[in-house]
Amino acid sequence: MLLNLHTHLEGRVRPSTAQELGARLGLAEPEGGWAQAMQLGGPSNLTCFLQKVSSTYPFFADRESLTRIAREAVEDAAADGEDYLELRFGPMSHVGNGMDPDEVIAAVCEGMREGSQITGMPAGAVVCALRLHGPEINEAAARAAARFAGRGVVGFDLAGDEILYPDLGMLTSAFGIARAAGLGLTCHAAEAGPASAAIDAVDLLGVTRIGHGTHIADDPAVLREIAARGIVVEICPTSNWYTGGIAAIGAHPARHLHCSGVPLVLGDDNPRQTGSPLSAERQLLRETLGFDAASLLALDRTSVAAGFMEQSVRDGLARRLDAEARAASDGRG
């Protein structure tokens, strides 16, 4: 089963769509075309990685474009064989041109609903606050997300450059608003920052999931605490190589985290930039990072339990996963 619990709308723009929207919006096509412009050339650091992702922002210029990109993101995930998608995005990066945060979120949710209707794959939106924004902007994002709770938005996240903006103290109000609305809470942490950043996100923001969390493995005390508290870590191995968080794909600490009792889920982060969709990330777990069938089943069960989806969606996925596990067991027998 393929559940994608960490992927960004801004990292899923089709090159063909970029070409069409660019022409309509009067954007000059870069030398080599949009596909090359969006693709990362190799590993660097988180700041450079985020600059590459933000190069897609001009395509989110109006409601029609937002809806189209969101619909196509769901379609592409389904075509990759995914069974559920949580699609995160930062609405405050796309306001303007006559759109307020509610209109941005409404457009994305509309596109996701269309994509789900076309493909039959359930999907939910996760609204991102951004580290570079001040408290007022992030609180506005949280209030807008809260207004769409139960209407397409399932979660609230903090994304952005962890090195340049490490302070979480100014985010407590925004996360309080999201929590009061019943949204699931996650946070990019310990990706470029130290292991302690993951504990800070849990204690200060009340999150139940950590995005990336690569450096949790660097500190045995933090590793034990994350495992003991059942905090779920959203791993995205290829992305972590591109951001310089790991020296090589084979050096990703996923197996160490799993063996230490940390519950894991999988995502593909920004597959247009990395060239690695969720199916490829799953293959990496199996072929490069030493995940056997039992480990992958544990990841799948965690994904169903930790996803921010509605209970009816969770129940349906759980039944399918149980059926798949029984079929696999019968086949081995």
C-alpha atoms as a PDB file:
ATOM      1  CA  MET A   1       0.000   0.000   0.000  1.00  0.00           C
ATOM      2  CA  LEU A   2       1.262   3.466  -0.848  1.00  0.00           C
ATOM      3  CA  LEU A   3       0.234   6.308   1.449  1.00  0.00           C
ATOM      4  CA  ASN A   4       1.947   9.625   0.749  1.00  0.00           C
ATOM      5  CA  LEU A   5       2.038  11.629   3.977  1.00  0.00           C
ATOM      6  CA  HIS A   6       4.650  14.225   3.059  1.00  0.00           C
ATOM      7  CA  THR A   7       4.497  15.937  -0.313  1.00  0.00           C
ATOM      8  CA  HIS A   8       4.227  19.574  -1.418  1.00  0.00           C
ATOM      9  CA  LEU A   9       1.912  21.018  -4.042  1.00  0.00           C
ATOM     10  CA  GLU A  10       4.679  23.437  -5.050  1.00  0.00           C
ATOM     11  CA  GLY A  11       6.878  20.462  -5.860  1.00  0.00           C
ATOM     12  CA  ARG A  12       4.377  18.731  -8.128  1.00  0.00           C
ATOM     13  CA  VAL A  13       3.848  21.166 -11.029  1.00  0.00           C
ATOM     14  CA  ARG A  14       3.881  19.326 -14.355  1.00  0.00           C
ATOM     15  CA  PRO A  15       6.386  20.801 -16.845  1.00  0.00           C
ATOM     16  CA  SER A  16       3.708  20.729 -19.545  1.00  0.00           C
ATOM     17  CA  THR A  17       1.391  22.699 -17.270  1.00  0.00           C
ATOM     18  CA  ALA A  18       4.196  25.112 -16.438  1.00  0.00           C
ATOM     19  CA  GLN A  19       4.704  25.728 -20.143  1.00  0.00           C
ATOM     20  CA  GLU A  20       1.012  26.415 -20.746  1.00  0.00           C
ATOM     21  CA  LEU A  21       0.549  28.581 -17.671  1.00  0.00           C
ATOM     22  CA  GLY A  22       3.815  30.382 -18.301  1.00  0.00           C
ATOM     23  CA  ALA A  23       2.663  31.347 -21.770  1.00  0.00           C
ATOM     24  CA  ARG A  24      -0.697  32.539 -20.450  1.00  0.00           C
ATOM     25  CA  LEU A  25       0.903  34.483 -17.616  1.00  0.00           C
ATOM     26  CA  GLY A  26       3.607  36.018 -19.787  1.00  0.00           C
ATOM     27  CA  LEU A  27       6.501  34.208 -18.082  1.00  0.00           C
ATOM     28  CA  ALA A  28       9.672  33.799 -20.097  1.00  0.00           C
ATOM     29  CA  GLU A  29      10.485  30.122 -20.571  1.00  0.00           C
ATOM     30  CA  PRO A  30      13.960  29.403 -19.197  1.00  0.00           C
ATOM     31  CA  GLU A  31      16.747  28.052 -21.358  1.00  0.00           C
ATOM     32  CA  GLY A  32      16.380  24.278 -21.499  1.00  0.00           C
ATOM     33  CA  GLY A  33      12.657  24.407 -20.705  1.00  0.00           C
ATOM     34  CA  TRP A  34      10.617  24.222 -17.542  1.00  0.00           C
ATOM     35  CA  ALA A  35      11.386  20.576 -16.787  1.00  0.00           C
ATOM     36  CA  GLN A  36      15.092  21.304 -16.576  1.00  0.00           C
ATOM     37  CA  ALA A  37      14.495  24.506 -14.647  1.00  0.00           C
ATOM     38  CA  MET A  38      12.526  22.671 -11.962  1.00  0.00           C
ATOM     39  CA  GLN A  39      14.853  19.664 -11.674  1.00  0.00           C
ATOM     40  CA  LEU A  40      17.632  19.756  -9.100  1.00  0.00           C
ATOM     41  CA  GLY A  41      21.091  19.194 -10.492  1.00  0.00           C
ATOM     42  CA  GLY A  42      22.496  17.472  -7.431  1.00  0.00           C
ATOM     43  CA  PRO A  43      22.816  17.715  -3.659  1.00  0.00           C
ATOM     44  CA  SER A  44      23.433  21.118  -2.090  1.00  0.00           C
ATOM     45  CA  ASN A  45      21.700  22.464   1.025  1.00  0.00           C
ATOM     46  CA  LEU A  46      18.210  23.179   2.281  1.00  0.00           C
ATOM     47  CA  THR A  47      18.341  26.873   1.339  1.00  0.00           C
ATOM     48  CA  CYS A  48      19.186  26.125  -2.310  1.00  0.00           C
ATOM     49  CA  PHE A  49      16.641  23.318  -2.396  1.00  0.00           C
ATOM     50  CA  LEU A  50      13.871  25.658  -1.214  1.00  0.00           C
ATOM     51  CA  GLN A  51      14.884  28.289  -3.758  1.00  0.00           C
ATOM     52  CA  LYS A  52      14.407  25.729  -6.518  1.00  0.00           C
ATOM     53  CA  VAL A  53      10.972  24.782  -5.167  1.00  0.00           C
ATOM     54  CA  SER A  54       9.904  28.428  -4.856  1.00  0.00           C
ATOM     55  CA  SER A  55      10.672  28.937  -8.544  1.00  0.00           C
ATOM     56  CA  THR A  56       7.232  27.402  -9.196  1.00  0.00           C
ATOM     57  CA  TYR A  57       5.387  30.118  -7.254  1.00  0.00           C
ATOM     58  CA  PRO A  58       4.597  32.287 -10.318  1.00  0.00           C
ATOM     59  CA  PHE A  59       2.370  29.495 -11.662  1.00  0.00           C
ATOM     60  CA  PHE A  60       0.020  29.826  -8.668  1.00  0.00           C
ATOM     61  CA  ALA A  61      -1.196  33.196  -9.843  1.00  0.00           C
ATOM     62  CA  ASP A  62      -4.962  32.693  -9.962  1.00  0.00           C
ATOM     63  CA  ARG A  63      -7.713  30.359  -8.840  1.00  0.00           C
ATOM     64  CA  GLU A  64      -7.883  28.497 -12.139  1.00  0.00           C
ATOM     65  CA  SER A  65      -4.168  27.686 -12.028  1.00  0.00           C
ATOM     66  CA  LEU A  66      -4.284  26.606  -8.371  1.00  0.00           C
ATOM     67  CA  THR A  67      -7.204  24.285  -9.028  1.00  0.00           C
ATOM     68  CA  ARG A  68      -5.572  22.772 -12.083  1.00  0.00           C
ATOM     69  CA  ILE A  69      -2.222  22.136 -10.395  1.00  0.00           C
ATOM     70  CA  ALA A  70      -3.920  20.569  -7.366  1.00  0.00           C
ATOM     71  CA  ARG A  71      -6.118  18.337  -9.546  1.00  0.00           C
ATOM     72  CA  GLU A  72      -3.130  17.185 -11.573  1.00  0.00           C
ATOM     73  CA  ALA A  73      -1.137  16.503  -8.400  1.00  0.00           C
ATOM     74  CA  VAL A  74      -3.825  14.073  -7.244  1.00  0.00           C
ATOM     75  CA  GLU A  75      -4.013  12.502 -10.692  1.00  0.00           C
ATOM     76  CA  ASP A  76      -0.236  12.052 -10.815  1.00  0.00           C
ATOM     77  CA  ALA A  77      -0.157  10.503  -7.350  1.00  0.00           C
ATOM     78  CA  ALA A  78      -2.867   8.038  -8.327  1.00  0.00           C
ATOM     79  CA  ALA A  79      -0.994   7.212 -11.531  1.00  0.00           C
ATOM     80  CA  ASP A  80       2.047   6.458  -9.365  1.00  0.00           C
ATOM     81  CA  GLY A  81      -0.028   3.786  -7.620  1.00  0.00           C
ATOM     82  CA  GLU A  82      -0.702   5.736  -4.439  1.00  0.00           C
ATOM     83  CA  ASP A  83      -3.706   4.913  -2.279  1.00  0.00           C
ATOM     84  CA  TYR A  84      -3.941   8.126  -0.245  1.00  0.00           C
ATOM     85  CA  LEU A  85      -2.397  11.583  -0.535  1.00  0.00           C
ATOM     86  CA  GLU A  86      -1.842  14.394   1.940  1.00  0.00           C
ATOM     87  CA  LEU A  87      -0.918  17.424  -0.120  1.00  0.00           C
ATOM     88  CA  ARG A  88       0.645  20.336   1.743  1.00  0.00           C
ATOM     89  CA  PHE A  89       1.051  23.897   0.538  1.00  0.00           C
ATOM     90  CA  GLY A  90       1.697  27.407   1.859  1.00  0.00           C
ATOM     91  CA  PRO A  91      -1.313  29.569   0.976  1.00  0.00           C
ATOM     92  CA  MET A  92       0.294  32.802   2.167  1.00  0.00           C
ATOM     93  CA  SER A  93       2.895  32.445  -0.606  1.00  0.00           C
ATOM     94  CA  HIS A  94       0.125  32.589  -3.197  1.00  0.00           C
ATOM     95  CA  VAL A  95      -2.124  35.399  -1.974  1.00  0.00           C
ATOM     96  CA  GLY A  96      -2.441  38.513  -4.091  1.00  0.00           C
ATOM     97  CA  ASN A  97      -3.778  39.062  -7.568  1.00  0.00           C
ATOM     98  CA  GLY A  98      -7.177  39.456  -5.945  1.00  0.00           C
ATOM     99  CA  MET A  99      -6.942  36.252  -3.886  1.00  0.00           C
ATOM    100  CA  ASP A 100      -7.000  36.081  -0.094  1.00  0.00           C
ATOM    101  CA  PRO A 101      -5.975  32.966   1.924  1.00  0.00           C
ATOM    102  CA  ASP A 102      -9.494  31.533   1.887  1.00  0.00           C
ATOM    103  CA  GLU A 103      -9.675  31.780  -1.896  1.00  0.00           C
ATOM    104  CA  VAL A 104      -6.288  30.093  -2.279  1.00  0.00           C
ATOM    105  CA  ILE A 105      -7.278  27.235   0.014  1.00  0.00           C
ATOM    106  CA  ALA A 106     -10.687  26.907  -1.634  1.00  0.00           C
ATOM    107  CA  ALA A 107      -9.082  26.640  -5.067  1.00  0.00           C
ATOM    108  CA  VAL A 108      -6.640  23.943  -3.937  1.00  0.00           C
ATOM    109  CA  CYS A 109      -9.365  21.955  -2.161  1.00  0.00           C
ATOM    110  CA  GLU A 110     -11.555  22.188  -5.245  1.00  0.00           C
ATOM    111  CA  GLY A 111      -8.777  20.805  -7.430  1.00  0.00           C
ATOM    112  CA  MET A 112      -8.089  18.005  -4.967  1.00  0.00           C
ATOM    113  CA  ARG A 113     -11.767  17.046  -4.862  1.00  0.00           C
ATOM    114  CA  GLU A 114     -11.845  16.946  -8.647  1.00  0.00           C
ATOM    115  CA  GLY A 115      -8.737  14.781  -8.678  1.00  0.00           C
ATOM    116  CA  SER A 116     -10.238  12.389  -6.149  1.00  0.00           C
ATOM    117  CA  GLN A 117     -13.463  12.159  -8.121  1.00  0.00           C
ATOM    118  CA  ILE A 118     -11.539  11.358 -11.296  1.00  0.00           C
ATOM    119  CA  THR A 119      -9.186   8.795  -9.753  1.00  0.00           C
ATOM    120  CA  GLY A 120     -11.120   7.415  -6.795  1.00  0.00           C
ATOM    121  CA  MET A 121      -8.098   8.100  -4.552  1.00  0.00           C
ATOM    122  CA  PRO A 122      -8.836   9.957  -1.290  1.00  0.00           C
ATOM    123  CA  ALA A 123      -6.752  13.044  -0.545  1.00  0.00           C
ATOM    124  CA  GLY A 124      -6.563  15.766   2.096  1.00  0.00           C
ATOM    125  CA  ALA A 125      -4.902  19.180   2.189  1.00  0.00           C
ATOM    126  CA  VAL A 126      -2.347  20.228   4.794  1.00  0.00           C
ATOM    127  CA  VAL A 127      -1.885  23.988   5.162  1.00  0.00           C
ATOM    128  CA  CYS A 128       1.681  25.141   5.820  1.00  0.00           C
ATOM    129  CA  ALA A 129       2.759  28.062   7.925  1.00  0.00           C
ATOM    130  CA  LEU A 130       6.192  29.271   6.823  1.00  0.00           C
ATOM    131  CA  ARG A 131       9.185  29.986   9.028  1.00  0.00           C
ATOM    132  CA  LEU A 132      10.079  33.178   7.166  1.00  0.00           C
ATOM    133  CA  HIS A 133       6.662  34.724   7.894  1.00  0.00           C
ATOM    134  CA  GLY A 134       5.870  36.665  11.049  1.00  0.00           C
ATOM    135  CA  PRO A 135       3.330  35.581  13.685  1.00  0.00           C
ATOM    136  CA  GLU A 136       0.459  37.604  12.215  1.00  0.00           C
ATOM    137  CA  ILE A 137       0.783  36.004   8.778  1.00  0.00           C
ATOM    138  CA  ASN A 138       1.070  32.485  10.183  1.00  0.00           C
ATOM    139  CA  GLU A 139      -1.900  33.048  12.482  1.00  0.00           C
ATOM    140  CA  ALA A 140      -3.906  34.214   9.463  1.00  0.00           C
ATOM    141  CA  ALA A 141      -2.913  30.995   7.673  1.00  0.00           C
ATOM    142  CA  ALA A 142      -4.037  28.973  10.692  1.00  0.00           C
ATOM    143  CA  ARG A 143      -7.389  30.761  10.902  1.00  0.00           C
ATOM    144  CA  ALA A 144      -7.972  30.168   7.194  1.00  0.00           C
ATOM    145  CA  ALA A 145      -7.034  26.491   7.580  1.00  0.00           C
ATOM    146  CA  ALA A 146      -9.430  26.217  10.521  1.00  0.00           C
ATOM    147  CA  ARG A 147     -12.280  27.562   8.403  1.00  0.00           C
ATOM    148  CA  PHE A 148     -11.722  24.687   5.963  1.00  0.00           C
ATOM    149  CA  ALA A 149     -11.446  21.948   8.595  1.00  0.00           C
ATOM    150  CA  GLY A 150     -13.788  19.208   7.460  1.00  0.00           C
ATOM    151  CA  ARG A 151     -14.033  20.827   4.027  1.00  0.00           C
ATOM    152  CA  GLY A 152     -10.817  19.508   2.487  1.00  0.00           C
ATOM    153  CA  VAL A 153      -8.147  20.621   4.958  1.00  0.00           C
ATOM    154  CA  VAL A 154      -6.988  17.892   7.333  1.00  0.00           C
ATOM    155  CA  GLY A 155      -3.758  19.215   8.819  1.00  0.00           C
ATOM    156  CA  PHE A 156      -1.435  22.101   9.649  1.00  0.00           C
ATOM    157  CA  ASP A 157       2.330  22.180   9.178  1.00  0.00           C
ATOM    158  CA  LEU A 158       5.370  24.423   9.540  1.00  0.00           C
ATOM    159  CA  ALA A 159       7.752  24.469   6.584  1.00  0.00           C
ATOM    160  CA  GLY A 160      10.667  26.588   5.445  1.00  0.00           C
ATOM    161  CA  ASP A 161      14.331  27.145   6.141  1.00  0.00           C
ATOM    162  CA  GLU A 162      15.131  25.647   9.524  1.00  0.00           C
ATOM    163  CA  ILE A 163      18.658  27.059   9.557  1.00  0.00           C
ATOM    164  CA  LEU A 164      17.707  30.676   8.876  1.00  0.00           C
ATOM    165  CA  TYR A 165      14.549  30.588  11.029  1.00  0.00           C
ATOM    166  CA  PRO A 166      14.984  28.120  13.907  1.00  0.00           C
ATOM    167  CA  ASP A 167      12.750  29.863  16.495  1.00  0.00           C
ATOM    168  CA  LEU A 168       9.431  28.115  17.129  1.00  0.00           C
ATOM    169  CA  GLY A 169       8.262  30.375  19.950  1.00  0.00           C
ATOM    170  CA  MET A 170       6.367  32.691  17.635  1.00  0.00           C
ATOM    171  CA  LEU A 171       4.368  29.789  16.154  1.00  0.00           C
ATOM    172  CA  THR A 172       2.572  28.617  19.284  1.00  0.00           C
ATOM    173  CA  SER A 173      -0.516  30.762  18.681  1.00  0.00           C
ATOM    174  CA  ALA A 174      -0.905  29.622  15.071  1.00  0.00           C
ATOM    175  CA  PHE A 175      -0.663  25.962  16.060  1.00  0.00           C
ATOM    176  CA  GLY A 176      -3.098  26.562  18.917  1.00  0.00           C
ATOM    177  CA  ILE A 177      -5.650  27.851  16.405  1.00  0.00           C
ATOM    178  CA  ALA A 178      -5.158  24.801  14.192  1.00  0.00           C
ATOM    179  CA  ARG A 179      -5.338  22.412  17.136  1.00  0.00           C
ATOM    180  CA  ALA A 180      -8.597  23.956  18.358  1.00  0.00           C
ATOM    181  CA  ALA A 181     -10.075  23.319  14.901  1.00  0.00           C
ATOM    182  CA  GLY A 182      -9.250  19.621  15.170  1.00  0.00           C
ATOM    183  CA  LEU A 183      -6.548  19.643  12.496  1.00  0.00           C
ATOM    184  CA  GLY A 184      -3.674  17.172  12.582  1.00  0.00           C
ATOM    185  CA  LEU A 185      -0.346  18.825  13.430  1.00  0.00           C
ATOM    186  CA  THR A 186       3.074  18.214  11.911  1.00  0.00           C
ATOM    187  CA  CYS A 187       6.281  20.226  11.579  1.00  0.00           C
ATOM    188  CA  HIS A 188       9.411  20.139   9.437  1.00  0.00           C
ATOM    189  CA  ALA A 189      12.131  19.753  12.071  1.00  0.00           C
ATOM    190  CA  ALA A 190      15.562  18.191  12.636  1.00  0.00           C
ATOM    191  CA  GLU A 191      15.930  18.220   8.856  1.00  0.00           C
ATOM    192  CA  ALA A 192      18.720  20.771   8.682  1.00  0.00           C
ATOM    193  CA  GLY A 193      18.619  21.665  12.369  1.00  0.00           C
ATOM    194  CA  PRO A 194      19.745  19.538  15.331  1.00  0.00           C
ATOM    195  CA  ALA A 195      17.912  16.581  16.812  1.00  0.00           C
ATOM    196  CA  SER A 196      16.641  18.764  19.656  1.00  0.00           C
ATOM    197  CA  ALA A 197      14.527  20.720  17.151  1.00  0.00           C
ATOM    198  CA  ALA A 198      12.179  17.744  16.920  1.00  0.00           C
ATOM    199  CA  ILE A 199      11.566  17.762  20.669  1.00  0.00           C
ATOM    200  CA  ASP A 200      11.013  21.532  20.550  1.00  0.00           C
ATOM    201  CA  ALA A 201       8.365  21.053  17.852  1.00  0.00           C
ATOM    202  CA  VAL A 202       6.576  18.443  19.952  1.00  0.00           C
ATOM    203  CA  ASP A 203       6.732  20.407  23.199  1.00  0.00           C
ATOM    204  CA  LEU A 204       6.104  23.921  21.862  1.00  0.00           C
ATOM    205  CA  LEU A 205       3.712  23.234  19.005  1.00  0.00           C
ATOM    206  CA  GLY A 206       2.038  20.004  20.099  1.00  0.00           C
ATOM    207  CA  VAL A 207       2.736  18.136  16.868  1.00  0.00           C
ATOM    208  CA  THR A 208       2.301  14.370  16.605  1.00  0.00           C
ATOM    209  CA  ARG A 209       4.429  14.034  13.472  1.00  0.00           C
ATOM    210  CA  ILE A 210       7.839  15.372  12.432  1.00  0.00           C
ATOM    211  CA  GLY A 211       8.682  16.099   8.804  1.00  0.00           C
ATOM    212  CA  HIS A 212      12.027  14.598   7.724  1.00  0.00           C
ATOM    213  CA  GLY A 213      13.616  14.426  11.206  1.00  0.00           C
ATOM    214  CA  THR A 214      16.826  13.058   9.746  1.00  0.00           C
ATOM    215  CA  HIS A 215      19.042  14.343  12.562  1.00  0.00           C
ATOM    216  CA  ILE A 216      16.978  12.694  15.285  1.00  0.00           C
ATOM    217  CA  ALA A 217      19.252   9.708  14.738  1.00  0.00           C
ATOM    218  CA  ASP A 218      22.287  11.816  15.719  1.00  0.00           C
ATOM    219  CA  ASP A 219      21.300  12.106  19.391  1.00  0.00           C
ATOM    220  CA  PRO A 220      20.603   8.859  21.290  1.00  0.00           C
ATOM    221  CA  ALA A 221      18.658  10.669  24.023  1.00  0.00           C
ATOM    222  CA  VAL A 222      16.377  12.418  21.540  1.00  0.00           C
ATOM    223  CA  LEU A 223      15.984   9.188  19.580  1.00  0.00           C
ATOM    224  CA  ARG A 224      14.838   7.354  22.702  1.00  0.00           C
ATOM    225  CA  GLU A 225      12.404  10.123  23.632  1.00  0.00           C
ATOM    226  CA  ILE A 226      10.847  10.340  20.169  1.00  0.00           C
ATOM    227  CA  ALA A 227      10.371   6.567  20.171  1.00  0.00           C
ATOM    228  CA  ALA A 228       9.004   6.484  23.726  1.00  0.00           C
ATOM    229  CA  ARG A 229       6.486   9.238  22.987  1.00  0.00           C
ATOM    230  CA  GLY A 230       5.348   7.587  19.752  1.00  0.00           C
ATOM    231  CA  ILE A 231       6.114  10.627  17.609  1.00  0.00           C
ATOM    232  CA  VAL A 232       5.781   9.719  13.945  1.00  0.00           C
ATOM    233  CA  VAL A 233       8.591  10.710  11.586  1.00  0.00           C
ATOM    234  CA  GLU A 234       7.804  11.414   7.928  1.00  0.00           C
ATOM    235  CA  ILE A 235      10.839  10.196   5.972  1.00  0.00           C
ATOM    236  CA  CYS A 236      11.719  11.389   2.460  1.00  0.00           C
ATOM    237  CA  PRO A 237      15.121   9.828   1.677  1.00  0.00           C
ATOM    238  CA  THR A 238      15.889  11.236  -1.786  1.00  0.00           C
ATOM    239  CA  SER A 239      14.913  14.745  -0.753  1.00  0.00           C
ATOM    240  CA  ASN A 240      17.226  14.536   2.255  1.00  0.00           C
ATOM    241  CA  TRP A 241      20.116  13.703  -0.052  1.00  0.00           C
ATOM    242  CA  TYR A 242      19.360  16.705  -2.251  1.00  0.00           C
ATOM    243  CA  THR A 243      19.206  19.022   0.765  1.00  0.00           C
ATOM    244  CA  GLY A 244      22.547  17.736   2.028  1.00  0.00           C
ATOM    245  CA  GLY A 245      20.958  16.213   5.116  1.00  0.00           C
ATOM    246  CA  ILE A 246      22.597  12.871   4.345  1.00  0.00           C
ATOM    247  CA  ALA A 247      25.829  12.075   2.520  1.00  0.00           C
ATOM    248  CA  ALA A 248      24.274   9.351   0.360  1.00  0.00           C
ATOM    249  CA  ILE A 249      20.911   7.645  -0.042  1.00  0.00           C
ATOM    250  CA  GLY A 250      22.302   4.542   1.605  1.00  0.00           C
ATOM    251  CA  ALA A 251      23.292   6.644   4.622  1.00  0.00           C
ATOM    252  CA  HIS A 252      19.701   7.627   5.408  1.00  0.00           C
ATOM    253  CA  PRO A 253      18.897   6.669   9.024  1.00  0.00           C
ATOM    254  CA  ALA A 254      15.453   5.217   8.235  1.00  0.00           C
ATOM    255  CA  ARG A 255      16.431   1.687   9.214  1.00  0.00           C
ATOM    256  CA  HIS A 256      18.094   2.878  12.426  1.00  0.00           C
ATOM    257  CA  LEU A 257      15.016   4.921  13.336  1.00  0.00           C
ATOM    258  CA  HIS A 258      12.750   1.944  12.653  1.00  0.00           C
ATOM    259  CA  CYS A 259      14.873  -0.477  14.664  1.00  0.00           C
ATOM    260  CA  SER A 260      14.947   2.053  17.525  1.00  0.00           C
ATOM    261  CA  GLY A 261      11.174   1.988  17.744  1.00  0.00           C
ATOM    262  CA  VAL A 262      10.383   5.261  15.996  1.00  0.00           C
ATOM    263  CA  PRO A 263       7.113   4.988  14.006  1.00  0.00           C
ATOM    264  CA  LEU A 264       7.736   5.943  10.374  1.00  0.00           C
ATOM    265  CA  VAL A 265       5.658   7.037   7.395  1.00  0.00           C
ATOM    266  CA  LEU A 266       6.842   7.821   3.873  1.00  0.00           C
ATOM    267  CA  GLY A 267       6.637  10.816   1.556  1.00  0.00           C
ATOM    268  CA  ASP A 268       8.240  12.060  -1.655  1.00  0.00           C
ATOM    269  CA  ASP A 269       8.447  15.733  -0.607  1.00  0.00           C
ATOM    270  CA  ASN A 270       9.001  17.543  -3.940  1.00  0.00           C
ATOM    271  CA  PRO A 271       9.098  14.838  -6.626  1.00  0.00           C
ATOM    272  CA  ARG A 272       9.277  17.246  -9.559  1.00  0.00           C
ATOM    273  CA  GLN A 273      12.550  18.629  -8.194  1.00  0.00           C
ATOM    274  CA  THR A 274      14.049  15.303  -7.094  1.00  0.00           C
ATOM    275  CA  GLY A 275      12.662  13.101  -9.869  1.00  0.00           C
ATOM    276  CA  SER A 276      11.672  10.490  -7.279  1.00  0.00           C
ATOM    277  CA  PRO A 277       7.931   9.851  -6.744  1.00  0.00           C
ATOM    278  CA  LEU A 278       6.614   7.834  -3.830  1.00  0.00           C
ATOM    279  CA  SER A 279       6.853   4.503  -5.652  1.00  0.00           C
ATOM    280  CA  ALA A 280      10.587   5.106  -6.125  1.00  0.00           C
ATOM    281  CA  GLU A 281      10.978   6.062  -2.457  1.00  0.00           C
ATOM    282  CA  ARG A 282       9.270   2.808  -1.493  1.00  0.00           C
ATOM    283  CA  GLN A 283      11.673   0.916  -3.726  1.00  0.00           C
ATOM    284  CA  LEU A 284      14.604   2.649  -2.016  1.00  0.00           C
ATOM    285  CA  LEU A 285      13.372   1.459   1.356  1.00  0.00           C
ATOM    286  CA  ARG A 286      13.206  -2.100   0.108  1.00  0.00           C
ATOM    287  CA  GLU A 287      16.315  -2.318  -2.076  1.00  0.00           C
ATOM    288  CA  THR A 288      18.741   0.161  -0.495  1.00  0.00           C
ATOM    289  CA  LEU A 289      17.721   0.776   3.110  1.00  0.00           C
ATOM    290  CA  GLY A 290      17.029  -2.791   4.213  1.00  0.00           C
ATOM    291  CA  PHE A 291      13.268  -2.725   4.792  1.00  0.00           C
ATOM    292  CA  ASP A 292      11.860  -6.243   4.566  1.00  0.00           C
ATOM    293  CA  ALA A 293       8.185  -7.144   4.170  1.00  0.00           C
ATOM    294  CA  ALA A 294       7.515  -6.953   7.904  1.00  0.00           C
ATOM    295  CA  SER A 295       9.126  -3.508   8.173  1.00  0.00           C
ATOM    296  CA  LEU A 296       7.148  -2.199   5.214  1.00  0.00           C
ATOM    297  CA  LEU A 297       3.921  -3.556   6.677  1.00  0.00           C
ATOM    298  CA  ALA A 298       4.716  -1.778   9.950  1.00  0.00           C
ATOM    299  CA  LEU A 299       5.251   1.452   8.000  1.00  0.00           C
ATOM    300  CA  ASP A 300       1.923   0.963   6.222  1.00  0.00           C
ATOM    301  CA  ARG A 301       0.066   0.349   9.468  1.00  0.00           C
ATOM    302  CA  THR A 302       1.629   3.456  10.978  1.00  0.00           C
ATOM    303  CA  SER A 303       0.627   5.449   7.899  1.00  0.00           C
ATOM    304  CA  VAL A 304      -3.011   4.399   8.201  1.00  0.00           C
ATOM    305  CA  ALA A 305      -3.053   5.156  11.930  1.00  0.00           C
ATOM    306  CA  ALA A 306      -1.143   8.460  11.752  1.00  0.00           C
ATOM    307  CA  GLY A 307      -2.696   9.971   8.640  1.00  0.00           C
ATOM    308  CA  PHE A 308      -4.852  13.034   9.145  1.00  0.00           C
ATOM    309  CA  MET A 309      -7.699  11.543   7.101  1.00  0.00           C
ATOM    310  CA  GLU A 310     -11.354  11.224   8.061  1.00  0.00           C
ATOM    311  CA  GLN A 311     -12.238   8.093  10.029  1.00  0.00           C
ATOM    312  CA  SER A 312     -14.211   6.595   7.145  1.00  0.00           C
ATOM    313  CA  VAL A 313     -11.139   6.858   4.911  1.00  0.00           C
ATOM    314  CA  ARG A 314      -8.952   5.379   7.643  1.00  0.00           C
ATOM    315  CA  ASP A 315     -11.308   2.462   8.141  1.00  0.00           C
ATOM    316  CA  GLY A 316     -11.382   1.720   4.410  1.00  0.00           C
ATOM    317  CA  LEU A 317      -7.598   1.817   4.121  1.00  0.00           C
ATOM    318  CA  ALA A 318      -7.221  -0.382   7.205  1.00  0.00           C
ATOM    319  CA  ARG A 319      -9.533  -3.015   5.727  1.00  0.00           C
ATOM    320  CA  ARG A 320      -7.620  -2.999   2.447  1.00  0.00           C
ATOM    321  CA  LEU A 321      -4.288  -3.251   4.236  1.00  0.00           C
ATOM    322  CA  ASP A 322      -5.493  -6.182   6.337  1.00  0.00           C
ATOM    323  CA  ALA A 323      -6.712  -7.939   3.182  1.00  0.00           C
ATOM    324  CA  GLU A 324      -3.371  -7.346   1.452  1.00  0.00           C
ATOM    325  CA  ALA A 325      -1.472  -8.639   4.492  1.00  0.00           C
ATOM    326  CA  ARG A 326      -3.607 -11.797   4.636  1.00  0.00           C
ATOM    327  CA  ALA A 327      -3.146 -12.410   0.927  1.00  0.00           C
ATOM    328  CA  ALA A 328       0.611 -12.006   1.253  1.00  0.00           C
ATOM    329  CA  SER A 329       0.686 -14.353   4.230  1.00  0.00           C
ATOM    330  CA  ASP A 330      -1.391 -16.970   2.382  1.00  0.00           C
ATOM    331  CA  GLY A 331       0.899 -16.680  -0.601  1.00  0.00           C
ATOM    332  CA  ARG A 332       3.969 -17.361   1.550  1.00  0.00           C
ATOM    333  CA  GLY A 333       2.173 -20.279   3.203  1.00  0.00           C
END
